[in-house]
Amino acid sequence: MPRVLLIEDDASVREGIELGLRRRGHEVRTAPTGEAGLAAIGEFRPDLLLLDLMLPGMNGVQVCRQVREAGQLPIIMLTARGDDFDVVVGLEAGADDYIVKPARTEVIEARIRAVLRRIDEPGGRPAVEFHGDLAIDRAGLNVAKSGERVALAPSELKLLLYLTAAPEQVFSRQQLLEQVWEHSYHGDARLVDACVRRLRNKIEDMPGTPRYIQTLRGFGYRFGPL
């Protein structure tokens, strides 16, 4: 089962989530502050970080940025209802998904599994594909641009793998939410838009005039044509 690090300052919320996940077999470590959580990452080596945004001292966005600068640990933000601005900032900082509190353990666990689940490989595809200056290793889950490896967060990698599996096909934001994030309901398109922006900043020569991840206004996104 995935090892989950939970950074949450509210003791009742922290204990509730920890108990729920432990009952389902997860190994859970908790921290009440961002500073304590960052210190626990190296020792506990979690598979995923559940991160409250509204923390005392170092806030969740600062923690998210620091974790993302250090590596590609999957991050799910925990937000209070109505924290729309914070959600946008958190997603731009590199979070892979977010959950509005309070949330049932079943919902939290489903999101954890969705973020950690790798995209199934279509049969017959080459292990490494080349698209312009991009080399995408589907087996090794690596992406390189002009020979230099590109560090992608899990959601960014899953989105790129999904789009490049069907070049030039247009996908709506809702389709991408369902296929990449596994949100079966009418989800939040900001997840897709923020992930596209982060991905463009990493793989495009000019993110403002993208070559790879293109927008079709009113319809959605597609990969290419190059």
C-alpha atoms as a PDB file:
ATOM      1  CA  MET A   1       0.000   0.000   0.000  1.00  0.00           C
ATOM      2  CA  PRO A   2       1.212   3.529  -0.673  1.00  0.00           C
ATOM      3  CA  ARG A   3       3.058   5.345   2.068  1.00  0.00           C
ATOM      4  CA  VAL A   4       1.289   8.623   2.693  1.00  0.00           C
ATOM      5  CA  LEU A   5       2.643  11.700   4.419  1.00  0.00           C
ATOM      6  CA  LEU A   6      -0.118  13.985   5.691  1.00  0.00           C
ATOM      7  CA  ILE A   7       0.702  17.601   6.551  1.00  0.00           C
ATOM      8  CA  GLU A   8      -2.317  19.097   8.319  1.00  0.00           C
ATOM      9  CA  ASP A   9      -2.431  21.516  11.241  1.00  0.00           C
ATOM     10  CA  ASP A  10      -5.997  20.740  12.368  1.00  0.00           C
ATOM     11  CA  ALA A  11      -5.589  17.898  14.853  1.00  0.00           C
ATOM     12  CA  SER A  12      -9.111  16.515  14.410  1.00  0.00           C
ATOM     13  CA  VAL A  13      -8.839  16.483  10.610  1.00  0.00           C
ATOM     14  CA  ARG A  14      -5.335  15.025  10.817  1.00  0.00           C
ATOM     15  CA  GLU A  15      -6.390  12.222  13.142  1.00  0.00           C
ATOM     16  CA  GLY A  16      -9.519  11.456  11.120  1.00  0.00           C
ATOM     17  CA  ILE A  17      -7.661  11.106   7.823  1.00  0.00           C
ATOM     18  CA  GLU A  18      -4.831   9.164   9.417  1.00  0.00           C
ATOM     19  CA  LEU A  19      -7.204   6.703  11.084  1.00  0.00           C
ATOM     20  CA  GLY A  20      -9.245   6.220   7.918  1.00  0.00           C
ATOM     21  CA  LEU A  21      -6.216   5.526   5.733  1.00  0.00           C
ATOM     22  CA  ARG A  22      -4.589   3.241   8.309  1.00  0.00           C
ATOM     23  CA  ARG A  23      -7.779   1.162   8.467  1.00  0.00           C
ATOM     24  CA  ARG A  24      -7.423   0.630   4.730  1.00  0.00           C
ATOM     25  CA  GLY A  25      -3.864  -0.549   5.088  1.00  0.00           C
ATOM     26  CA  HIS A  26      -1.921   2.589   4.286  1.00  0.00           C
ATOM     27  CA  GLU A  27       1.247   3.427   6.128  1.00  0.00           C
ATOM     28  CA  VAL A  28       0.729   7.001   7.268  1.00  0.00           C
ATOM     29  CA  ARG A  29       3.027   9.602   8.823  1.00  0.00           C
ATOM     30  CA  THR A  30       1.586  12.942   9.923  1.00  0.00           C
ATOM     31  CA  ALA A  31       3.038  16.374  10.546  1.00  0.00           C
ATOM     32  CA  PRO A  32       1.291  19.487  11.937  1.00  0.00           C
ATOM     33  CA  THR A  33       3.419  22.047  10.095  1.00  0.00           C
ATOM     34  CA  GLY A  34       5.090  22.481   6.748  1.00  0.00           C
ATOM     35  CA  GLU A  35       8.510  22.560   8.333  1.00  0.00           C
ATOM     36  CA  ALA A  36       7.921  19.278  10.174  1.00  0.00           C
ATOM     37  CA  GLY A  37       6.498  17.721   7.024  1.00  0.00           C
ATOM     38  CA  LEU A  38       9.494  18.663   4.911  1.00  0.00           C
ATOM     39  CA  ALA A  39      11.781  17.204   7.557  1.00  0.00           C
ATOM     40  CA  ALA A  40       9.789  13.939   7.499  1.00  0.00           C
ATOM     41  CA  ILE A  41      10.019  13.438   3.730  1.00  0.00           C
ATOM     42  CA  GLY A  42      13.646  12.326   3.733  1.00  0.00           C
ATOM     43  CA  GLU A  43      13.178   9.916   6.620  1.00  0.00           C
ATOM     44  CA  PHE A  44       9.743   8.488   5.783  1.00  0.00           C
ATOM     45  CA  ARG A  45      10.143   8.482   1.963  1.00  0.00           C
ATOM     46  CA  PRO A  46       6.412   8.698   1.189  1.00  0.00           C
ATOM     47  CA  ASP A  47       4.835   7.641  -2.088  1.00  0.00           C
ATOM     48  CA  LEU A  48       2.457  10.602  -1.915  1.00  0.00           C
ATOM     49  CA  LEU A  49       1.985  13.821   0.019  1.00  0.00           C
ATOM     50  CA  LEU A  50      -1.403  14.985   1.300  1.00  0.00           C
ATOM     51  CA  LEU A  51      -0.873  18.684   1.917  1.00  0.00           C
ATOM     52  CA  ASP A  52      -3.141  21.181   3.632  1.00  0.00           C
ATOM     53  CA  LEU A  53      -2.875  24.613   2.060  1.00  0.00           C
ATOM     54  CA  MET A  54      -3.675  26.739   5.097  1.00  0.00           C
ATOM     55  CA  LEU A  55      -0.784  25.950   7.420  1.00  0.00           C
ATOM     56  CA  PRO A  56       0.770  28.137  10.110  1.00  0.00           C
ATOM     57  CA  GLY A  57       4.280  29.349   9.356  1.00  0.00           C
ATOM     58  CA  MET A  58       5.335  27.941   6.011  1.00  0.00           C
ATOM     59  CA  ASN A  59       2.050  27.621   4.098  1.00  0.00           C
ATOM     60  CA  GLY A  60       1.029  24.784   1.830  1.00  0.00           C
ATOM     61  CA  VAL A  61       1.943  26.575  -1.393  1.00  0.00           C
ATOM     62  CA  GLN A  62       5.462  27.208  -0.126  1.00  0.00           C
ATOM     63  CA  VAL A  63       5.772  23.569   0.894  1.00  0.00           C
ATOM     64  CA  CYS A  64       4.442  22.464  -2.494  1.00  0.00           C
ATOM     65  CA  ARG A  65       6.997  24.577  -4.359  1.00  0.00           C
ATOM     66  CA  GLN A  66       9.855  23.323  -2.208  1.00  0.00           C
ATOM     67  CA  VAL A  67       8.846  19.684  -2.663  1.00  0.00           C
ATOM     68  CA  ARG A  68       8.461  20.149  -6.412  1.00  0.00           C
ATOM     69  CA  GLU A  69      11.874  21.793  -6.711  1.00  0.00           C
ATOM     70  CA  ALA A  70      13.429  18.804  -4.942  1.00  0.00           C
ATOM     71  CA  GLY A  71      11.683  16.031  -6.877  1.00  0.00           C
ATOM     72  CA  GLN A  72       8.519  14.584  -8.360  1.00  0.00           C
ATOM     73  CA  LEU A  73       6.728  13.374  -5.248  1.00  0.00           C
ATOM     74  CA  PRO A  74       2.984  13.244  -6.067  1.00  0.00           C
ATOM     75  CA  ILE A  75       1.057  15.931  -4.188  1.00  0.00           C
ATOM     76  CA  ILE A  76      -2.647  16.191  -3.419  1.00  0.00           C
ATOM     77  CA  MET A  77      -3.740  19.445  -1.791  1.00  0.00           C
ATOM     78  CA  LEU A  78      -6.346  19.575   0.946  1.00  0.00           C
ATOM     79  CA  THR A  79      -8.378  22.763   0.740  1.00  0.00           C
ATOM     80  CA  ALA A  80     -11.329  24.312   2.520  1.00  0.00           C
ATOM     81  CA  ARG A  81     -14.472  24.932   0.542  1.00  0.00           C
ATOM     82  CA  GLY A  82     -14.343  28.347  -1.139  1.00  0.00           C
ATOM     83  CA  ASP A  83     -10.553  28.654  -1.258  1.00  0.00           C
ATOM     84  CA  ASP A  84     -10.662  29.155  -5.031  1.00  0.00           C
ATOM     85  CA  PHE A  85      -7.684  31.490  -5.215  1.00  0.00           C
ATOM     86  CA  ASP A  86      -5.585  29.148  -3.092  1.00  0.00           C
ATOM     87  CA  VAL A  87      -6.557  26.213  -5.285  1.00  0.00           C
ATOM     88  CA  VAL A  88      -5.317  27.993  -8.390  1.00  0.00           C
ATOM     89  CA  VAL A  89      -2.066  29.032  -6.705  1.00  0.00           C
ATOM     90  CA  GLY A  90      -1.531  25.512  -5.378  1.00  0.00           C
ATOM     91  CA  LEU A  91      -2.077  23.918  -8.767  1.00  0.00           C
ATOM     92  CA  GLU A  92       0.273  26.411 -10.402  1.00  0.00           C
ATOM     93  CA  ALA A  93       2.854  25.518  -7.736  1.00  0.00           C
ATOM     94  CA  GLY A  94       2.830  21.919  -8.950  1.00  0.00           C
ATOM     95  CA  ALA A  95       0.148  19.979  -7.084  1.00  0.00           C
ATOM     96  CA  ASP A  96      -1.290  17.030  -9.008  1.00  0.00           C
ATOM     97  CA  ASP A  97      -4.835  17.177  -7.654  1.00  0.00           C
ATOM     98  CA  TYR A  98      -6.864  18.662  -4.822  1.00  0.00           C
ATOM     99  CA  ILE A  99      -9.560  17.536  -2.406  1.00  0.00           C
ATOM    100  CA  VAL A 100     -12.059  19.817  -0.707  1.00  0.00           C
ATOM    101  CA  LYS A 101     -12.419  19.175   3.027  1.00  0.00           C
ATOM    102  CA  PRO A 102     -14.272  17.538   4.622  1.00  0.00           C
ATOM    103  CA  ALA A 103     -13.907  14.453   2.461  1.00  0.00           C
ATOM    104  CA  ARG A 104     -14.693  10.793   3.098  1.00  0.00           C
ATOM    105  CA  THR A 105     -11.783   8.408   3.368  1.00  0.00           C
ATOM    106  CA  GLU A 106     -13.088   6.550   0.305  1.00  0.00           C
ATOM    107  CA  VAL A 107     -12.757   9.743  -1.744  1.00  0.00           C
ATOM    108  CA  ILE A 108      -9.261  10.443  -0.456  1.00  0.00           C
ATOM    109  CA  GLU A 109      -8.129   6.897  -1.140  1.00  0.00           C
ATOM    110  CA  ALA A 110      -9.623   6.949  -4.648  1.00  0.00           C
ATOM    111  CA  ARG A 111      -7.736  10.163  -5.453  1.00  0.00           C
ATOM    112  CA  ILE A 112      -4.506   8.689  -4.059  1.00  0.00           C
ATOM    113  CA  ARG A 113      -4.862   5.625  -6.275  1.00  0.00           C
ATOM    114  CA  ALA A 114      -5.704   7.736  -9.320  1.00  0.00           C
ATOM    115  CA  VAL A 115      -2.661   9.982  -8.910  1.00  0.00           C
ATOM    116  CA  LEU A 116      -0.350   7.004  -8.368  1.00  0.00           C
ATOM    117  CA  ARG A 117      -1.774   4.829 -11.106  1.00  0.00           C
ATOM    118  CA  ARG A 118       0.273   4.854 -14.270  1.00  0.00           C
ATOM    119  CA  ILE A 119      -1.433   5.010 -17.653  1.00  0.00           C
ATOM    120  CA  ASP A 120      -1.839   1.610 -19.278  1.00  0.00           C
ATOM    121  CA  GLU A 121       0.240   1.222 -22.361  1.00  0.00           C
ATOM    122  CA  PRO A 122      -1.560   0.617 -25.656  1.00  0.00           C
ATOM    123  CA  GLY A 123      -0.248  -2.556 -27.235  1.00  0.00           C
ATOM    124  CA  GLY A 124       2.214  -2.359 -30.091  1.00  0.00           C
ATOM    125  CA  ARG A 125       3.595   1.094 -29.289  1.00  0.00           C
ATOM    126  CA  PRO A 126       7.364   1.603 -29.338  1.00  0.00           C
ATOM    127  CA  ALA A 127       8.956   2.000 -25.923  1.00  0.00           C
ATOM    128  CA  VAL A 128      10.451   5.337 -26.944  1.00  0.00           C
ATOM    129  CA  GLU A 129       8.619   7.767 -29.205  1.00  0.00           C
ATOM    130  CA  PHE A 130      10.066  10.866 -30.822  1.00  0.00           C
ATOM    131  CA  HIS A 131       7.960  13.955 -31.365  1.00  0.00           C
ATOM    132  CA  GLY A 132      10.027  16.856 -32.631  1.00  0.00           C
ATOM    133  CA  ASP A 133      12.683  17.491 -29.998  1.00  0.00           C
ATOM    134  CA  LEU A 134      10.839  15.336 -27.457  1.00  0.00           C
ATOM    135  CA  ALA A 135      11.776  11.733 -26.700  1.00  0.00           C
ATOM    136  CA  ILE A 136       9.088   9.985 -24.654  1.00  0.00           C
ATOM    137  CA  ASP A 137      10.031   6.699 -23.017  1.00  0.00           C
ATOM    138  CA  ARG A 138       6.700   5.092 -22.195  1.00  0.00           C
ATOM    139  CA  ALA A 139       8.232   2.057 -20.533  1.00  0.00           C
ATOM    140  CA  GLY A 140      10.660   4.002 -18.382  1.00  0.00           C
ATOM    141  CA  LEU A 141       8.243   6.923 -17.880  1.00  0.00           C
ATOM    142  CA  ASN A 142      10.922   9.423 -18.865  1.00  0.00           C
ATOM    143  CA  VAL A 143      10.767  12.462 -21.114  1.00  0.00           C
ATOM    144  CA  ALA A 144      13.731  14.218 -22.680  1.00  0.00           C
ATOM    145  CA  LYS A 145      13.922  17.347 -24.753  1.00  0.00           C
ATOM    146  CA  SER A 146      16.909  17.739 -27.079  1.00  0.00           C
ATOM    147  CA  GLY A 147      18.622  14.986 -25.102  1.00  0.00           C
ATOM    148  CA  GLU A 148      18.068  16.606 -21.710  1.00  0.00           C
ATOM    149  CA  ARG A 149      15.765  14.855 -19.277  1.00  0.00           C
ATOM    150  CA  VAL A 150      12.670  16.845 -18.320  1.00  0.00           C
ATOM    151  CA  ALA A 151      11.463  16.438 -14.729  1.00  0.00           C
ATOM    152  CA  LEU A 152       7.679  16.104 -14.806  1.00  0.00           C
ATOM    153  CA  ALA A 153       5.223  15.797 -11.943  1.00  0.00           C
ATOM    154  CA  PRO A 154       3.005  12.674 -12.116  1.00  0.00           C
ATOM    155  CA  SER A 155      -0.005  14.563 -13.460  1.00  0.00           C
ATOM    156  CA  GLU A 156       2.137  16.301 -16.095  1.00  0.00           C
ATOM    157  CA  LEU A 157       3.603  12.988 -17.257  1.00  0.00           C
ATOM    158  CA  LYS A 158       0.217  11.273 -17.369  1.00  0.00           C
ATOM    159  CA  LEU A 159      -1.273  14.147 -19.375  1.00  0.00           C
ATOM    160  CA  LEU A 160       1.606  14.137 -21.865  1.00  0.00           C
ATOM    161  CA  LEU A 161       1.444  10.342 -22.287  1.00  0.00           C
ATOM    162  CA  TYR A 162      -2.294  10.514 -22.840  1.00  0.00           C
ATOM    163  CA  LEU A 163      -2.152  13.310 -25.428  1.00  0.00           C
ATOM    164  CA  THR A 164       0.788  11.808 -27.337  1.00  0.00           C
ATOM    165  CA  ALA A 165      -0.978   8.430 -27.539  1.00  0.00           C
ATOM    166  CA  ALA A 166      -3.343  10.086 -30.035  1.00  0.00           C
ATOM    167  CA  PRO A 167      -1.513  12.966 -31.754  1.00  0.00           C
ATOM    168  CA  GLU A 168      -3.709  15.673 -33.275  1.00  0.00           C
ATOM    169  CA  GLN A 169      -6.834  14.313 -31.586  1.00  0.00           C
ATOM    170  CA  VAL A 170      -8.715  16.988 -29.670  1.00  0.00           C
ATOM    171  CA  PHE A 171      -9.769  16.217 -26.106  1.00  0.00           C
ATOM    172  CA  SER A 172     -12.149  18.322 -24.049  1.00  0.00           C
ATOM    173  CA  ARG A 173     -11.156  19.309 -20.541  1.00  0.00           C
ATOM    174  CA  GLN A 174     -13.817  16.974 -19.150  1.00  0.00           C
ATOM    175  CA  GLN A 175     -12.432  14.072 -21.182  1.00  0.00           C
ATOM    176  CA  LEU A 176      -8.964  14.767 -19.826  1.00  0.00           C
ATOM    177  CA  LEU A 177     -10.281  15.017 -16.264  1.00  0.00           C
ATOM    178  CA  GLU A 178     -11.923  11.615 -16.670  1.00  0.00           C
ATOM    179  CA  GLN A 179      -9.016   9.879 -18.386  1.00  0.00           C
ATOM    180  CA  VAL A 180      -5.975  11.450 -16.709  1.00  0.00           C
ATOM    181  CA  TRP A 181      -7.298  12.407 -13.272  1.00  0.00           C
ATOM    182  CA  GLU A 182     -10.069   9.758 -13.176  1.00  0.00           C
ATOM    183  CA  HIS A 183     -12.675  12.286 -12.077  1.00  0.00           C
ATOM    184  CA  SER A 184     -15.916  10.622 -13.133  1.00  0.00           C
ATOM    185  CA  TYR A 185     -18.093  13.612 -12.239  1.00  0.00           C
ATOM    186  CA  HIS A 186     -18.133  17.077 -13.849  1.00  0.00           C
ATOM    187  CA  GLY A 187     -14.770  18.127 -12.471  1.00  0.00           C
ATOM    188  CA  ASP A 188     -12.776  21.307 -12.142  1.00  0.00           C
ATOM    189  CA  ALA A 189     -11.229  22.353 -15.457  1.00  0.00           C
ATOM    190  CA  ARG A 190      -8.626  24.378 -13.540  1.00  0.00           C
ATOM    191  CA  LEU A 191      -6.810  21.121 -12.858  1.00  0.00           C
ATOM    192  CA  VAL A 192      -6.308  20.630 -16.591  1.00  0.00           C
ATOM    193  CA  ASP A 193      -5.471  24.243 -17.415  1.00  0.00           C
ATOM    194  CA  ALA A 194      -2.906  24.553 -14.607  1.00  0.00           C
ATOM    195  CA  CYS A 195      -1.264  21.262 -15.591  1.00  0.00           C
ATOM    196  CA  VAL A 196      -1.099  22.327 -19.255  1.00  0.00           C
ATOM    197  CA  ARG A 197       0.570  25.612 -18.274  1.00  0.00           C
ATOM    198  CA  ARG A 198       3.176  23.836 -16.173  1.00  0.00           C
ATOM    199  CA  LEU A 199       3.793  21.278 -18.897  1.00  0.00           C
ATOM    200  CA  ARG A 200       4.198  23.961 -21.559  1.00  0.00           C
ATOM    201  CA  ASN A 201       6.721  25.789 -19.402  1.00  0.00           C
ATOM    202  CA  LYS A 202       8.816  22.615 -19.329  1.00  0.00           C
ATOM    203  CA  ILE A 203       8.591  21.294 -22.893  1.00  0.00           C
ATOM    204  CA  GLU A 204       7.797  24.250 -25.156  1.00  0.00           C
ATOM    205  CA  ASP A 205      10.411  26.609 -26.613  1.00  0.00           C
ATOM    206  CA  MET A 206       7.850  29.415 -26.372  1.00  0.00           C
ATOM    207  CA  PRO A 207       5.048  28.521 -23.941  1.00  0.00           C
ATOM    208  CA  GLY A 208       2.972  31.467 -25.185  1.00  0.00           C
ATOM    209  CA  THR A 209       2.886  30.034 -28.703  1.00  0.00           C
ATOM    210  CA  PRO A 210       2.970  26.305 -28.006  1.00  0.00           C
ATOM    211  CA  ARG A 211       4.040  23.791 -30.596  1.00  0.00           C
ATOM    212  CA  TYR A 212       3.302  20.581 -28.721  1.00  0.00           C
ATOM    213  CA  ILE A 213       0.298  21.162 -26.452  1.00  0.00           C
ATOM    214  CA  GLN A 214      -2.085  23.225 -28.528  1.00  0.00           C
ATOM    215  CA  THR A 215      -5.358  24.839 -27.495  1.00  0.00           C
ATOM    216  CA  LEU A 216      -8.440  24.683 -29.660  1.00  0.00           C
ATOM    217  CA  ARG A 217     -10.533  27.452 -28.202  1.00  0.00           C
ATOM    218  CA  GLY A 218     -13.981  26.241 -27.263  1.00  0.00           C
ATOM    219  CA  PHE A 219     -13.020  22.561 -27.635  1.00  0.00           C
ATOM    220  CA  GLY A 220      -9.950  21.633 -25.581  1.00  0.00           C
ATOM    221  CA  TYR A 221      -6.367  20.504 -26.132  1.00  0.00           C
ATOM    222  CA  ARG A 222      -4.435  18.351 -28.565  1.00  0.00           C
ATOM    223  CA  PHE A 223      -0.836  17.289 -29.151  1.00  0.00           C
ATOM    224  CA  GLY A 224       0.488  18.768 -32.398  1.00  0.00           C
ATOM    225  CA  PRO A 225       0.399  18.751 -35.341  1.00  0.00           C
ATOM    226  CA  LEU A 226       4.108  19.532 -35.321  1.00  0.00           C
END
